[in-house]
Amino acid sequence: MPLIRIPLITDLDTLPRLEPLPSERIVTPETPAQLAEAVDALMAWRHVGFDTESKPTFRTGEVSTGPHLIQLATPERAFLFQVGIEGAVAAARTVLEATQVVKVGFGLGSDRSRLRTRLDIELRPFIDLGTTLRYQGKKGQVGLRGAVAGVLGARVSKSRSISTSNWANPVLSEAQRRYAASDAYAALQVFLALGDDPERLLADRIMPPGSSTP
């Protein structure tokens, strides 16, 4: 399967910030009607950005109960499905298991495992850009920040205080909403910038094999 080589940008602070989605385009559906609208909006696209967040663990031996948040993004909006909201898991499952929608993200191995074991969701089909992109002249996988820099010539902020915040909170802060939306949205933007037909370019990287439509 082909690898795509991208430049390694070491001084990220010199890059312009990736334009984030405005707050009004970050949706946290809560009611049955809102959840149904979110599913319809996501199912209208062939490719969506994807990520999850889990409440962090701090004690030795403590087992994560996540994921607590499922993020899905189109070029227009990001949808944050809070696992604790009635109907949210079923709504997210509809999109995550839809064979006509390719989910795109980074480091999806752990996300996929947790979705399967904790929420009975089978992620398909998907493309893990972390296993597809490589830096020019350097070994090792590429993360979201490096990919945004090398492919889009931009930077994304990754606040540790936000990444390790409590994603199980019933009400997410504005900073949490922006952070969560950015991860899924930025992954999609990287994918779409890989060429005129990124899905054809990465056809051999769509997993599970044979689960996507032509």
Protein backbone atom coordinates (compact mmCIF):
# COMPACT_ATOMS: atom_id res chain seq x y z
CA MET A 1 0.00 0.00 0.00
CA PRO A 2 1.40 3.40 -0.98
CA LEU A 3 2.71 5.95 1.48
CA ILE A 4 2.46 9.69 0.90
CA ARG A 5 5.55 11.68 1.81
CA ILE A 6 5.07 15.19 3.19
CA PRO A 7 7.52 17.89 4.31
CA LEU A 8 8.60 17.96 7.94
CA ILE A 9 7.94 21.44 9.31
CA THR A 10 9.86 22.00 12.52
CA ASP A 11 8.91 25.59 13.36
CA LEU A 12 5.14 25.40 13.56
CA ASP A 13 4.84 28.80 15.22
CA THR A 14 5.78 30.48 11.95
CA LEU A 15 2.74 29.06 10.18
CA PRO A 16 -0.66 30.72 9.99
CA ARG A 17 -3.37 29.17 12.11
CA LEU A 18 -5.74 26.78 10.37
CA GLU A 19 -9.00 28.67 10.17
CA PRO A 20 -11.29 26.95 12.68
CA LEU A 21 -14.98 26.39 12.39
CA PRO A 22 -16.93 29.23 14.03
CA SER A 23 -18.81 28.32 17.17
CA GLU A 24 -22.20 28.42 15.47
CA ARG A 25 -21.06 25.65 13.11
CA ILE A 26 -20.11 23.32 15.96
CA VAL A 27 -23.24 21.37 16.84
CA THR A 28 -23.86 19.34 20.00
CA PRO A 29 -27.18 17.59 19.27
CA GLU A 30 -29.27 16.73 22.31
CA THR A 31 -32.89 16.14 21.29
CA PRO A 32 -34.17 13.35 19.01
CA ALA A 33 -34.88 15.94 16.31
CA GLN A 34 -31.38 17.41 16.58
CA LEU A 35 -29.78 13.97 16.49
CA ALA A 36 -31.77 13.01 13.40
CA GLU A 37 -30.80 16.28 11.70
CA ALA A 38 -27.12 15.66 12.51
CA VAL A 39 -27.26 12.16 11.00
CA ASP A 40 -28.92 13.47 7.84
CA ALA A 41 -26.32 16.21 7.48
CA LEU A 42 -23.42 13.76 7.88
CA MET A 43 -24.89 11.09 5.61
CA ALA A 44 -25.06 13.63 2.78
CA TRP A 45 -21.25 13.57 2.47
CA ARG A 46 -18.97 10.87 1.07
CA HIS A 47 -16.11 11.70 3.49
CA VAL A 48 -16.26 12.95 7.08
CA GLY A 49 -13.56 13.70 9.64
CA PHE A 50 -13.64 11.53 12.74
CA ASP A 51 -12.19 11.40 16.25
CA THR A 52 -13.18 10.55 19.82
CA GLU A 53 -12.38 11.92 23.26
CA SER A 54 -12.34 10.10 26.59
CA LYS A 55 -12.21 11.24 30.19
CA PRO A 56 -8.54 10.84 31.16
CA THR A 57 -7.28 8.41 33.76
CA PHE A 58 -4.71 9.55 36.33
CA ARG A 59 -4.32 6.65 38.79
CA THR A 60 -2.24 3.55 38.19
CA GLY A 61 -4.48 0.68 37.13
CA GLU A 62 -7.44 2.95 36.42
CA VAL A 63 -9.31 1.80 33.32
CA SER A 64 -10.79 4.30 30.89
CA THR A 65 -14.56 4.19 30.49
CA GLY A 66 -14.45 6.14 27.22
CA PRO A 67 -15.11 7.15 24.63
CA HIS A 68 -17.32 9.86 26.07
CA LEU A 69 -17.45 12.05 22.96
CA ILE A 70 -17.62 11.17 19.26
CA GLN A 71 -16.72 13.90 16.79
CA LEU A 72 -17.72 13.86 13.12
CA ALA A 73 -17.08 16.75 10.75
CA THR A 74 -18.07 17.78 7.23
CA PRO A 75 -16.47 20.67 5.35
CA GLU A 76 -19.27 22.83 6.73
CA ARG A 77 -19.98 21.72 10.29
CA ALA A 78 -18.75 19.56 13.15
CA PHE A 79 -21.08 17.42 15.22
CA LEU A 80 -20.20 16.40 18.77
CA PHE A 81 -22.10 13.33 19.99
CA GLN A 82 -22.02 13.08 23.77
CA VAL A 83 -22.25 9.40 24.73
CA GLY A 84 -24.23 10.20 27.88
CA ILE A 85 -27.11 11.74 25.93
CA GLU A 86 -29.96 9.35 25.17
CA GLY A 87 -29.94 8.41 21.51
CA ALA A 88 -26.52 9.88 20.77
CA VAL A 89 -24.72 6.53 20.50
CA ALA A 90 -27.37 5.15 18.14
CA ALA A 91 -27.14 8.28 15.99
CA ALA A 92 -23.36 8.11 15.84
CA ARG A 93 -23.51 4.38 15.07
CA THR A 94 -25.64 5.07 12.00
CA VAL A 95 -22.91 7.21 10.49
CA LEU A 96 -19.89 5.25 11.72
CA GLU A 97 -21.23 1.98 10.31
CA ALA A 98 -22.57 3.49 7.06
CA THR A 99 -20.62 1.89 4.21
CA GLN A 100 -21.30 4.83 1.89
CA VAL A 101 -19.51 7.31 4.21
CA VAL A 102 -15.72 7.07 4.56
CA LYS A 103 -14.47 8.16 7.98
CA VAL A 104 -11.07 9.91 8.01
CA GLY A 105 -8.82 10.50 11.01
CA PHE A 106 -5.48 9.88 12.75
CA GLY A 107 -4.47 7.04 15.07
CA LEU A 108 -7.80 5.29 14.72
CA GLY A 109 -6.70 1.94 16.14
CA SER A 110 -7.58 2.76 19.74
CA ASP A 111 -10.74 4.63 18.72
CA ARG A 112 -11.93 1.64 16.73
CA SER A 113 -11.22 -0.77 19.58
CA ARG A 114 -13.02 1.31 22.18
CA LEU A 115 -16.01 1.87 19.94
CA ARG A 116 -16.33 -1.87 19.40
CA THR A 117 -15.82 -3.04 22.97
CA ARG A 118 -17.63 -0.27 24.86
CA LEU A 119 -20.34 0.96 22.50
CA ASP A 120 -20.86 -1.99 20.14
CA ILE A 121 -19.99 0.16 17.13
CA GLU A 122 -18.00 -1.26 14.22
CA LEU A 123 -16.14 1.54 12.44
CA ARG A 124 -16.32 1.06 8.67
CA PRO A 125 -15.07 2.09 6.18
CA PHE A 126 -12.24 4.37 7.33
CA ILE A 127 -8.85 5.77 6.37
CA ASP A 128 -6.21 6.24 9.06
CA LEU A 129 -4.00 9.05 7.80
CA GLY A 130 -1.53 8.29 10.58
CA THR A 131 -0.57 5.06 8.84
CA THR A 132 -0.65 6.62 5.36
CA LEU A 133 1.44 9.78 5.68
CA ARG A 134 5.19 9.83 6.28
CA TYR A 135 7.70 12.65 6.54
CA GLN A 136 10.23 13.01 3.78
CA GLY A 137 13.49 11.39 4.91
CA LYS A 138 12.17 10.35 8.32
CA LYS A 139 10.64 7.19 9.74
CA GLY A 140 7.61 7.04 11.99
CA GLN A 141 3.96 7.94 11.73
CA VAL A 142 2.67 11.47 11.22
CA GLY A 143 0.26 13.04 13.70
CA LEU A 144 -2.44 15.63 13.12
CA ARG A 145 -0.26 18.68 13.85
CA GLY A 146 2.52 17.52 11.54
CA ALA A 147 0.07 16.66 8.78
CA VAL A 148 -1.68 20.02 8.96
CA ALA A 149 1.71 21.73 8.75
CA GLY A 150 3.12 19.57 5.94
CA VAL A 151 -0.04 19.34 3.80
CA LEU A 152 -1.93 22.56 4.55
CA GLY A 153 0.96 24.83 5.53
CA ALA A 154 -0.90 25.76 8.70
CA ARG A 155 -0.88 25.03 12.43
CA VAL A 156 -3.43 23.76 14.88
CA SER A 157 -3.30 24.39 18.61
CA LYS A 158 -3.27 21.33 20.87
CA SER A 159 -3.76 22.43 24.46
CA ARG A 160 -2.77 19.75 26.96
CA SER A 161 -5.04 21.25 29.60
CA ILE A 162 -8.01 20.85 27.26
CA SER A 163 -7.00 17.43 25.92
CA THR A 164 -6.83 16.07 29.49
CA SER A 165 -10.04 17.74 30.65
CA ASN A 166 -13.18 15.83 31.66
CA TRP A 167 -14.87 14.81 28.43
CA ALA A 168 -17.63 13.06 30.38
CA ASN A 169 -19.01 16.39 31.63
CA PRO A 170 -22.69 16.78 30.67
CA VAL A 171 -21.96 20.35 29.56
CA LEU A 172 -18.79 20.91 27.56
CA SER A 173 -16.95 24.21 27.80
CA GLU A 174 -16.52 26.35 24.72
CA ALA A 175 -12.81 25.49 24.73
CA GLN A 176 -13.63 21.77 24.76
CA ARG A 177 -16.09 22.18 21.90
CA ARG A 178 -13.54 24.04 19.77
CA TYR A 179 -10.80 21.50 20.54
CA ALA A 180 -12.97 18.49 19.76
CA ALA A 181 -14.34 19.98 16.55
CA SER A 182 -10.87 20.98 15.39
CA ASP A 183 -9.51 17.43 15.55
CA ALA A 184 -12.16 15.97 13.25
CA TYR A 185 -12.37 19.01 10.97
CA ALA A 186 -8.60 19.33 10.51
CA ALA A 187 -8.25 15.63 9.66
CA LEU A 188 -10.86 16.03 6.93
CA GLN A 189 -9.14 19.13 5.56
CA VAL A 190 -5.82 17.26 5.32
CA PHE A 191 -7.48 14.40 3.46
CA LEU A 192 -9.25 16.69 1.00
CA ALA A 193 -5.99 18.53 0.27
CA LEU A 194 -4.15 15.38 -0.83
CA GLY A 195 -5.35 15.69 -4.43
CA ASP A 196 -8.32 16.07 -6.74
CA ASP A 197 -9.48 12.54 -5.92
CA PRO A 198 -7.98 11.59 -2.54
CA GLU A 199 -10.18 8.52 -2.15
CA ARG A 200 -8.88 7.02 -5.40
CA LEU A 201 -5.34 7.93 -4.37
CA LEU A 202 -5.81 6.10 -1.06
CA ALA A 203 -8.11 3.33 -2.28
CA ASP A 204 -5.79 0.65 -0.89
CA ARG A 205 -5.88 2.38 2.51
CA ILE A 206 -9.63 2.17 3.01
CA MET A 207 -10.31 -0.25 5.86
CA PRO A 208 -11.88 -2.74 6.20
CA PRO A 209 -11.10 -3.81 2.61
CA GLY A 210 -14.04 -3.95 0.31
CA SER A 211 -16.40 -2.10 2.66
CA SER A 212 -16.71 1.09 0.62
CA THR A 213 -18.71 1.71 -2.49
CA PRO A 214 -16.97 2.72 -5.75
